[in-house]
Protein backbone atom coordinates (compact mmCIF):
# COMPACT_ATOMS: atom_id res chain seq x y z
CA MET A 1 -4.92 73.22 98.80
CA PRO A 2 -4.86 76.45 96.46
CA GLU A 3 -6.72 76.60 93.44
CA GLN A 4 -3.49 77.11 91.32
CA ASN A 5 -2.62 72.88 92.08
CA LYS A 6 -5.18 71.63 90.53
CA LEU A 7 -4.42 72.90 87.12
CA PRO A 8 -2.52 69.81 85.22
CA THR A 9 1.02 69.53 86.44
CA LEU A 10 4.28 68.15 84.93
CA VAL A 11 7.46 67.08 85.46
CA MET A 12 10.03 66.47 82.78
CA LYS A 13 13.64 65.61 82.89
CA PHE A 14 16.61 65.51 80.29
CA GLY A 15 19.26 63.68 80.57
CA GLY A 16 22.74 64.28 79.51
CA THR A 17 22.50 63.45 76.19
CA SER A 18 19.36 65.27 75.53
CA VAL A 19 21.35 68.44 76.61
CA GLY A 20 24.63 67.75 75.81
CA THR A 21 25.16 69.89 72.57
CA ALA A 22 23.59 73.19 71.31
CA GLU A 23 21.39 70.72 68.89
CA ALA A 24 20.18 68.73 71.48
CA MET A 25 19.28 71.38 74.08
CA SER A 26 17.40 73.22 71.13
CA GLN A 27 15.32 70.11 70.88
CA ALA A 28 14.34 70.06 74.71
CA VAL A 29 13.47 73.66 74.69
CA GLN A 30 11.31 72.97 71.47
CA ILE A 31 9.53 69.86 73.69
CA VAL A 32 9.11 72.20 76.40
CA GLN A 33 7.35 75.01 74.26
CA ASN A 34 4.96 72.33 72.72
CA SER A 35 4.07 70.80 76.27
CA ARG A 36 3.65 74.46 77.62
CA GLN A 37 0.50 74.59 75.74
CA ASP A 38 -1.38 71.37 77.70
CA TRP A 39 0.83 71.55 81.34
CA PRO A 40 0.25 74.70 82.74
CA ARG A 41 2.31 73.71 85.57
CA LEU A 42 5.75 72.27 83.98
CA ILE A 43 8.64 71.28 86.16
CA VAL A 44 11.84 70.71 84.04
CA VAL A 45 14.96 68.86 85.62
CA THR A 46 18.11 68.43 83.84
CA SER A 47 20.91 66.26 84.12
CA ALA A 48 24.63 68.11 83.36
CA LEU A 49 25.54 67.81 79.88
CA SER A 50 26.53 64.62 78.14
CA GLY A 51 30.25 63.20 79.94
CA VAL A 52 30.96 66.47 82.34
CA THR A 53 30.11 64.43 85.82
CA ASN A 54 32.82 61.91 84.30
CA LEU A 55 35.25 64.70 83.57
CA LEU A 56 34.75 66.39 86.90
CA LEU A 57 34.86 63.34 89.01
CA ASP A 58 38.03 61.67 86.96
CA SER A 59 39.66 64.83 87.58
CA ALA A 60 39.07 64.83 91.41
CA HIS A 61 40.56 61.93 91.37
CA GLN A 62 43.44 62.70 89.72
CA SER A 63 44.25 65.67 91.79
CA ALA A 64 43.84 63.59 94.93
CA ARG A 65 46.62 61.88 93.57
CA GLY A 66 48.90 65.19 93.40
CA GLN A 67 48.53 64.86 89.37
CA VAL A 68 47.14 68.43 88.91
CA HIS A 69 48.46 68.85 85.53
CA GLN A 70 45.21 67.87 83.98
CA LEU A 71 43.16 70.73 85.57
CA TYR A 72 43.93 73.36 82.84
CA GLU A 73 42.97 70.97 80.36
CA ALA A 74 39.58 69.86 82.15
CA GLU A 75 38.59 73.81 83.03
CA ASN A 76 39.21 74.40 78.95
CA ARG A 77 36.96 71.47 78.14
CA LEU A 78 34.40 72.66 80.74
CA ARG A 79 34.40 76.33 79.22
CA ILE A 80 34.19 75.30 75.54
CA THR A 81 31.54 72.64 75.91
CA HIS A 82 29.31 75.15 77.56
CA ASP A 83 30.27 78.30 75.87
CA ALA A 84 29.64 76.56 72.61
CA ILE A 85 25.81 75.94 73.47
CA ALA A 86 25.22 79.76 74.60
CA ASP A 87 26.58 81.05 71.65
CA ARG A 88 24.28 79.03 69.53
CA LEU A 89 20.80 79.17 71.70
CA ILE A 90 21.39 82.57 73.37
CA GLN A 91 21.25 85.73 71.21
CA ASP A 92 21.01 88.19 73.84
CA LEU A 93 24.46 89.45 74.29
CA ALA A 94 23.96 90.59 77.62
CA ARG A 95 22.25 87.49 78.74
CA SER A 96 24.79 85.24 77.17
CA VAL A 97 27.90 87.03 78.62
CA GLN A 98 26.08 86.60 82.15
CA VAL A 99 25.60 82.77 81.87
CA LYS A 100 29.00 82.67 80.51
CA GLN A 101 30.16 84.54 83.80
CA GLU A 102 28.14 82.34 85.89
CA ILE A 103 29.55 79.26 84.28
CA GLY A 104 33.04 80.32 84.68
CA HIS A 105 32.51 81.02 88.42
CA LEU A 106 31.38 77.20 88.82
CA ILE A 107 34.53 76.19 86.55
CA ALA A 108 36.85 78.36 89.07
CA GLU A 109 34.84 76.99 92.20
CA PHE A 110 35.87 73.11 90.45
CA SER A 111 39.73 73.77 89.96
CA ASN A 112 39.65 74.97 93.49
CA LEU A 113 38.14 71.96 95.11
CA CYS A 114 40.48 69.80 93.03
CA ARG A 115 43.44 72.12 93.98
CA ALA A 116 42.42 71.39 97.68
CA MET A 117 42.19 67.88 97.39
CA ALA A 118 45.08 67.58 95.84
CA VAL A 119 47.15 69.65 98.78
CA LEU A 120 45.06 67.37 101.46
CA GLY A 121 45.67 64.35 99.44
CA GLU A 122 42.46 62.49 99.25
CA ALA A 123 39.11 63.28 97.97
CA THR A 124 36.33 62.66 100.84
CA PRO A 125 32.95 61.71 99.73
CA ARG A 126 31.64 64.88 100.69
CA ALA A 127 33.78 66.74 98.38
CA LEU A 128 33.13 64.43 95.75
CA ASP A 129 29.38 65.42 95.79
CA ALA A 130 30.86 69.33 96.00
CA VAL A 131 32.95 68.61 92.48
CA ALA A 132 30.12 66.21 90.80
CA SER A 133 27.09 68.90 91.71
CA LEU A 134 28.90 71.53 89.77
CA GLY A 135 27.95 69.61 86.27
CA GLU A 136 23.97 70.25 86.92
CA ARG A 137 24.87 73.43 88.48
CA MET A 138 26.40 74.58 85.07
CA SER A 139 23.40 73.31 82.87
CA VAL A 140 20.59 74.25 84.39
CA ARG A 141 22.21 77.71 83.81
CA LEU A 142 22.18 77.04 80.23
CA LEU A 143 18.92 75.78 79.85
CA SER A 144 16.82 77.89 81.55
CA ALA A 145 18.44 80.92 79.64
CA ALA A 146 17.97 79.05 76.39
CA LEU A 147 14.22 78.63 77.43
CA GLU A 148 14.03 82.24 78.01
CA ALA A 149 15.25 82.79 74.49
CA THR A 150 12.93 81.64 72.72
CA GLY A 151 10.35 83.46 75.30
CA VAL A 152 9.45 80.55 77.54
CA PRO A 153 9.97 82.51 81.16
CA ALA A 154 12.30 80.05 82.85
CA GLN A 155 14.02 80.38 86.07
CA SER A 156 17.09 77.97 86.91
CA VAL A 157 16.28 76.24 91.16
CA GLU A 158 19.32 74.46 92.52
CA ALA A 159 17.66 71.57 94.16
CA THR A 160 19.83 71.66 97.13
CA GLN A 161 16.73 74.40 98.12
CA LEU A 162 14.24 71.58 97.56
CA ILE A 163 15.54 67.81 98.21
CA VAL A 164 16.55 67.42 101.79
CA THR A 165 18.63 64.58 102.47
CA ASP A 166 20.50 62.48 104.95
CA ARG A 167 24.55 62.83 104.81
CA ALA A 168 25.68 59.51 103.01
CA PHE A 169 26.98 61.45 100.61
CA GLN A 170 27.24 60.32 97.03
CA ASN A 171 24.08 58.17 97.34
CA ALA A 172 22.07 60.49 99.70
CA HIS A 173 18.42 59.11 100.78
CA PRO A 174 15.93 61.68 100.43
CA ASP A 175 13.75 63.04 103.77
CA LEU A 176 10.27 63.22 101.92
CA LYS A 177 8.38 65.25 104.62
CA ALA A 178 10.77 67.84 104.68
CA THR A 179 11.15 67.75 101.07
CA GLN A 180 7.75 68.46 100.42
CA GLU A 181 7.45 71.31 102.76
CA ARG A 182 10.80 73.16 100.81
CA THR A 183 9.28 72.19 97.40
CA ARG A 184 6.59 74.19 97.55
CA ARG A 185 7.41 76.76 99.62
CA VAL A 186 10.54 77.49 97.06
CA LEU A 187 8.38 76.30 93.30
CA GLU A 188 4.68 77.16 93.83
CA PRO A 189 5.56 80.86 93.72
CA ILE A 190 7.35 80.55 90.31
CA LEU A 191 4.71 78.60 89.18
CA ALA A 192 2.11 80.94 90.27
CA GLN A 193 3.75 83.17 88.09
CA GLY A 194 3.58 81.08 85.08
CA ARG A 195 7.24 80.43 85.06
CA VAL A 196 9.38 77.26 84.53
CA PRO A 197 11.54 76.31 87.35
CA VAL A 198 14.40 74.28 85.77
CA VAL A 199 15.64 72.39 88.28
CA THR A 200 19.41 70.47 88.75
CA GLY A 201 18.75 66.96 89.00
CA PHE A 202 21.08 64.24 91.13
CA LEU A 203 21.53 66.86 93.71
CA GLY A 204 19.89 67.20 97.37
CA ALA A 205 21.54 69.11 100.49
CA THR A 206 21.66 68.24 104.31
CA PRO A 207 19.54 69.90 106.60
CA ASP A 208 22.20 72.27 107.40
CA GLY A 209 22.84 73.22 103.57
CA VAL A 210 25.68 70.66 102.69
CA THR A 211 25.60 69.68 99.03
CA THR A 212 24.64 65.68 98.70
CA THR A 213 24.16 63.60 95.49
CA LEU A 214 21.88 61.05 94.85
CA GLY A 215 24.06 58.19 93.26
CA ARG A 216 25.01 57.99 89.68
CA GLY A 217 21.69 58.64 87.23
CA GLY A 218 19.91 60.23 90.09
CA SER A 219 18.34 63.15 88.09
CA ASP A 220 15.74 60.28 87.21
CA TYR A 221 15.60 60.04 90.78
CA SER A 222 15.10 63.73 91.63
CA ALA A 223 11.74 64.07 89.00
CA GLY A 224 10.46 61.13 91.00
CA ILE A 225 10.96 62.83 93.86
CA LEU A 226 9.69 66.01 92.95
CA GLY A 227 6.60 64.67 90.90
CA ALA A 228 5.63 62.69 93.87
CA VAL A 229 6.00 65.73 96.56
CA LEU A 230 4.17 68.35 94.58
CA PRO A 231 2.54 66.54 93.72
CA ALA A 232 1.86 66.27 89.54
CA ASP A 233 0.02 64.36 87.58
CA GLU A 234 2.68 62.86 85.52
CA VAL A 235 6.53 62.45 85.34
CA TRP A 236 8.13 62.05 81.79
CA ILE A 237 11.64 61.20 81.58
CA TRP A 238 13.65 62.24 78.03
CA THR A 239 16.61 59.99 77.10
CA ASP A 240 17.97 59.38 73.83
CA VAL A 241 15.99 56.00 73.07
CA ASP A 242 12.24 55.27 72.04
CA GLY A 243 11.34 53.94 75.69
CA VAL A 244 12.29 51.14 77.20
CA MET A 245 13.32 48.24 74.79
CA SER A 246 12.28 44.41 74.82
CA ALA A 247 16.43 43.92 74.80
CA ASP A 248 19.67 45.68 74.54
CA PRO A 249 19.78 47.09 70.89
CA ARG A 250 23.13 46.72 70.71
CA ALA A 251 22.99 43.09 71.32
CA VAL A 252 19.61 42.29 69.61
CA PRO A 253 19.30 44.10 66.48
CA ASN A 254 15.01 43.82 66.17
CA ALA A 255 14.57 44.76 69.94
CA ALA A 256 11.53 46.87 70.35
CA THR A 257 9.82 49.39 72.06
CA ILE A 258 7.58 47.84 74.74
CA PRO A 259 4.42 50.32 75.14
CA GLU A 260 3.52 49.55 78.25
CA LEU A 261 4.99 48.17 81.74
CA THR A 262 4.10 47.64 84.86
CA TYR A 263 5.73 49.59 87.98
CA ARG A 264 6.97 46.24 89.45
CA GLU A 265 7.93 44.92 85.75
CA ILE A 266 9.81 48.16 85.50
CA ALA A 267 11.30 47.66 88.56
CA GLU A 268 12.90 44.58 87.61
CA LEU A 269 13.84 45.67 84.67
CA ALA A 270 15.84 49.04 86.32
CA TYR A 271 17.45 46.47 88.74
CA TYR A 272 18.60 43.45 86.22
CA GLY A 273 20.35 46.04 83.55
CA ALA A 274 18.02 48.10 81.68
CA LYS A 275 19.79 51.70 81.93
CA VAL A 276 16.92 53.79 80.93
CA LEU A 277 14.97 54.19 84.22
CA HIS A 278 17.19 54.96 87.73
CA PRO A 279 15.77 52.27 90.15
CA LYS A 280 14.92 53.95 92.77
CA THR A 281 13.05 56.81 90.40
CA ILE A 282 9.47 54.48 90.96
CA ARG A 283 9.20 54.19 94.43
CA PRO A 284 7.98 57.95 94.76
CA VAL A 285 6.06 57.94 91.91
CA ILE A 286 4.09 54.68 93.01
CA ASP A 287 3.61 55.95 96.16
CA ALA A 288 1.91 59.03 95.18
CA GLY A 289 -0.28 57.25 92.11
CA VAL A 290 1.78 59.84 89.68
CA GLY A 291 1.75 58.61 86.27
CA LEU A 292 5.34 57.66 84.44
CA ARG A 293 6.33 58.16 80.85
CA ILE A 294 10.27 57.35 79.11
CA CYS A 295 10.30 59.48 75.89
CA ASN A 296 13.17 60.04 73.14
CA THR A 297 14.12 63.78 73.04
CA PHE A 298 15.22 63.12 69.20
CA ASN A 299 11.81 61.43 68.43
CA PRO A 300 9.03 63.29 70.57
CA GLN A 301 6.21 61.88 68.12
CA HIS A 302 7.15 58.48 69.64
CA PRO A 303 5.08 57.37 72.48
CA GLY A 304 7.53 56.21 74.15
CA THR A 305 6.67 53.56 77.19
CA ARG A 306 4.11 54.70 79.98
CA LEU A 307 4.39 52.54 83.11
CA VAL A 308 1.17 51.96 84.71
CA ALA A 309 -0.06 50.26 88.05
CA ASP A 310 0.28 46.58 88.60
CA SER A 311 -3.16 44.97 88.16
CA ALA A 312 -4.70 41.20 87.25
CA GLU A 313 -5.77 42.07 83.51
CA ARG A 314 -1.78 43.31 83.38
CA SER A 315 -0.49 40.09 84.44
CA ARG A 316 -1.37 37.41 81.38
CA GLY A 317 1.97 35.96 82.17
CA GLU A 318 3.60 37.73 79.15
CA ILE A 319 7.32 37.87 78.43
CA LYS A 320 7.94 41.46 78.02
CA ALA A 321 11.84 41.76 78.01
CA VAL A 322 15.05 40.47 78.56
CA THR A 323 18.32 42.04 80.01
CA ALA A 324 21.95 41.31 80.76
CA ILE A 325 24.21 42.39 83.45
CA ARG A 326 27.92 41.31 82.10
CA ASN A 327 31.04 41.03 84.33
CA GLN A 328 30.24 39.13 86.78
CA ARG A 329 31.34 36.04 88.71
CA LEU A 330 29.94 33.43 90.96
CA ILE A 331 31.35 33.05 94.04
CA THR A 332 30.30 29.92 95.68
CA ILE A 333 30.67 28.17 99.37
CA GLU A 334 30.81 24.99 99.40
CA GLY A 335 31.33 22.22 102.55
CA ARG A 336 29.52 19.04 103.50
CA GLY A 337 29.93 20.93 107.16
CA MET A 338 27.47 23.78 106.55
CA LEU A 339 24.96 21.21 106.52
CA GLY A 340 22.14 22.20 109.06
CA VAL A 341 24.62 24.82 110.62
CA PRO A 342 22.61 28.15 111.24
CA GLY A 343 23.94 31.43 110.41
CA VAL A 344 26.17 30.52 107.64
CA ALA A 345 24.58 32.75 104.84
CA ALA A 346 23.85 35.75 107.29
CA ARG A 347 27.59 35.45 107.74
CA ALA A 348 28.09 35.20 104.09
CA PHE A 349 26.47 38.31 103.20
CA GLY A 350 27.92 39.95 106.18
CA ALA A 351 31.47 39.75 104.44
CA VAL A 352 30.49 40.80 101.42
CA ALA A 353 28.76 43.78 102.63
CA SER A 354 32.15 44.52 104.51
CA THR A 355 33.34 45.16 100.85
CA GLY A 356 30.33 47.34 99.64
CA THR A 357 29.95 45.07 97.20
CA SER A 358 26.33 44.74 95.65
CA VAL A 359 25.22 41.04 95.04
CA PRO A 360 22.76 40.63 91.77
CA LEU A 361 21.64 37.05 92.39
CA ILE A 362 21.33 34.28 94.95
CA THR A 363 21.02 30.34 94.81
CA GLN A 364 21.18 27.63 97.89
CA ALA A 365 20.97 24.13 97.32
CA SER A 366 18.37 22.53 99.37
CA SER A 367 20.97 20.26 101.04
CA GLU A 368 22.27 23.14 102.40
CA GLN A 369 25.73 22.12 101.19
CA SER A 370 26.72 25.22 99.33
CA ILE A 371 25.60 28.92 98.71
CA CYS A 372 25.94 30.46 95.20
CA PHE A 373 25.72 34.13 94.47
CA ALA A 374 27.02 36.80 92.16
CA VAL A 375 29.11 39.85 92.62
CA PRO A 376 30.48 42.19 89.79
CA ALA A 377 34.05 40.55 88.49
CA SER A 378 36.01 43.74 89.64
CA SER A 379 34.91 42.86 93.08
CA ASN A 380 35.48 39.31 93.37
CA GLY A 381 39.10 39.49 94.49
CA GLU A 382 38.36 41.66 97.50
CA VAL A 383 35.00 39.64 97.86
CA ILE A 384 36.77 36.35 98.50
CA GLN A 385 39.44 37.55 100.87
CA ALA A 386 36.66 38.85 102.92
CA LEU A 387 34.62 35.99 102.71
CA GLU A 388 37.94 33.34 103.60
CA ALA A 389 38.42 35.61 106.76
CA ALA A 390 35.19 34.97 107.77
CA PHE A 391 35.34 31.35 107.36
CA ALA A 392 38.87 30.85 108.09
CA ILE A 393 38.25 28.60 111.11
CA GLU A 394 35.60 26.43 109.05
CA LEU A 395 38.34 26.14 106.08
CA ALA A 396 40.69 25.08 108.43
CA GLN A 397 38.35 22.58 109.89
CA HIS A 398 36.99 21.63 106.41
CA ASP A 399 33.57 21.94 107.48
CA ILE A 400 33.85 24.81 104.26
CA ASP A 401 36.00 22.83 101.42
CA ARG A 402 35.99 25.76 99.74
CA ILE A 403 35.48 29.34 98.52
CA TRP A 404 35.86 29.52 94.62
CA ALA A 405 34.57 31.95 91.89
CA THR A 406 34.07 31.44 88.34
CA GLU A 407 35.27 33.26 85.28
CA ASP A 408 33.09 35.93 83.99
CA VAL A 409 29.30 35.02 83.36
CA THR A 410 26.37 37.01 82.67
CA ILE A 411 23.18 37.27 84.27
CA LEU A 412 20.20 37.29 81.94
CA THR A 413 16.58 37.91 83.26
CA VAL A 414 12.92 37.65 81.81
CA VAL A 415 10.53 39.79 83.03
CA GLY A 416 6.93 40.16 82.03
CA ALA A 417 4.23 40.34 85.47
CA GLY A 418 2.53 36.78 85.89
CA MET A 419 4.44 34.97 83.76
CA ILE A 420 5.84 32.38 86.40
CA ARG A 421 1.95 31.86 87.14
CA THR A 422 1.94 30.64 83.43
CA PRO A 423 2.13 26.98 82.81
CA GLY A 424 5.28 26.17 80.17
CA ILE A 425 7.12 29.65 80.42
CA ALA A 426 10.00 28.45 82.37
CA GLY A 427 9.90 25.38 80.21
CA ARG A 428 10.63 27.51 76.83
CA VAL A 429 12.80 29.46 78.82
CA PHE A 430 15.49 26.80 78.92
CA SER A 431 14.13 24.66 75.83
CA ALA A 432 15.35 28.11 73.63
CA LEU A 433 18.76 28.25 75.60
CA GLY A 434 19.32 24.06 75.05
CA GLN A 435 18.36 24.35 71.35
CA ARG A 436 21.41 27.43 70.80
CA ASN A 437 23.70 24.56 73.09
CA VAL A 438 23.37 26.79 75.70
CA ASN A 439 24.55 26.01 78.97
CA VAL A 440 22.71 27.40 82.17
CA ILE A 441 25.24 27.72 85.40
CA ALA A 442 22.65 28.83 87.90
CA ILE A 443 19.20 29.85 88.03
CA ALA A 444 17.35 32.00 90.83
CA GLN A 445 13.35 32.33 90.28
CA GLY A 446 11.64 34.93 92.47
CA SER A 447 8.29 34.63 94.58
CA SER A 448 7.39 38.32 92.75
CA GLU A 449 5.76 35.94 89.63
CA VAL A 450 7.67 38.54 87.34
CA SER A 451 11.27 37.28 86.63
CA ILE A 452 13.43 34.61 86.04
CA SER A 453 17.05 34.88 86.23
CA LEU A 454 19.97 32.53 85.17
CA VAL A 455 23.57 32.45 85.05
CA VAL A 456 25.20 31.78 81.49
CA ASP A 457 29.14 31.86 80.53
CA ALA A 458 30.27 35.14 79.16
CA SER A 459 31.03 34.23 75.65
CA ASP A 460 27.72 32.67 75.28
CA ALA A 461 25.89 35.90 76.33
CA ASP A 462 24.84 37.66 72.78
CA LEU A 463 23.71 34.22 71.65
CA ALA A 464 21.50 33.71 74.63
CA LEU A 465 19.76 36.85 74.57
CA GLY A 466 18.95 36.12 70.97
CA ALA A 467 17.19 33.20 71.40
CA LEU A 468 15.03 34.38 74.43
CA HIS A 469 14.27 37.62 72.21
CA GLU A 470 12.97 35.23 69.78
CA LEU A 471 11.07 33.60 72.43
CA ILE A 472 9.38 36.78 73.46
CA VAL A 473 8.39 37.71 70.32
CA THR A 474 6.71 34.02 69.35
CA THR A 475 5.34 34.09 73.06
CA ASN A 476 3.47 37.22 73.05
CA THR A 477 2.51 36.51 69.41
CA GLY A 478 1.26 33.07 69.81
CA GLY A 479 3.60 31.51 67.97
CA ALA A 480 5.19 29.42 70.67
CA GLN A 481 3.09 26.34 72.25
């Protein structure tokens, strides 16, 4: 390995709110400036400006329905938003004009793609990825120019040159071996010159160069991938909160930052609704042994949350956090004729998978007379229809009595490494809910010893969150016995 690779290397990613206004991007620039003192090799990954990706995709879908009248307004909003930041942060007139022109060309590309969709009457996944990529392609030009305006030598890089993926448009999977070769070939010369590569998050490309995206929120994933393949010493995710919170502060006002989480804990939290970190980010970072930290762009002095490797001493049975997945429905398949019949679960989840629906929670009675699982409320009707088709014969013969769904429910998940191995934790959880008269509809407990999930009526969700958060505080301070 070249000698320069032994220098400390940091990948930092800025989310949409961290670059969404001139003030926010100025703060991000200051963070990069300060970090260069300790990190001679620094790579910046950026999201699109806040709200831009939604605007791009909404316009694409409307265009595919023939509604092109809104394109002028969308183009204007994109131009005004990006130009305002350029005017504030790029003092050199020639450089400012150049950046605006480059962004203007990308806006024109957006308009052309949308008009093509209107003619065809459809928005294919490949076309949607081409549109969605434009937000990052605009922001990377702004941020690199803003850095250079403050004396930080920077160079914008499109991740289509770095991250090689399959052709699963809108949710592509990276080829890490090919990505490593390309990333080192492109980024190492830039880093050797003392420059800061500013890379588009969220994007990749097929081996033949067709633009793909890594799924919504995929800029975190981009940072994790780049950190793993370089490899970096650490990856810092800059967002708009002080790290990972013990609960959603909008529902639990006294929620606090968790100073340290294991990788398994953050994986559970990310899966069960904590939106601070993209769930896929964690895997490449763990595999490469790279440190991971979540920080607040608007409060950079705060230490945030550091993610650490799993270990016995970090599995003391503490409850760390409680999360909520709202707007869910519980679907139940039940019937005495299911008893001992192999393949019922496989057929059920095959039917669910055929609708493209994700199942966040499953529970099955030991009597094998019912299977219960959660799906998003928006998918409820489609899933029920698919299940009724899959089990039409069993329903006709009354081997399955009925397939039905609840009204809206919320999945609450209590997370903490080793807590299930600790006597009394589950009892405290259910006692806390019982004291608030919250009825638990279903329970799922994994063998990972990291989480307990339970389902409550949507109307009880905030009350239950508050009760469980109080338990977190008292359990971790020794107040609960």
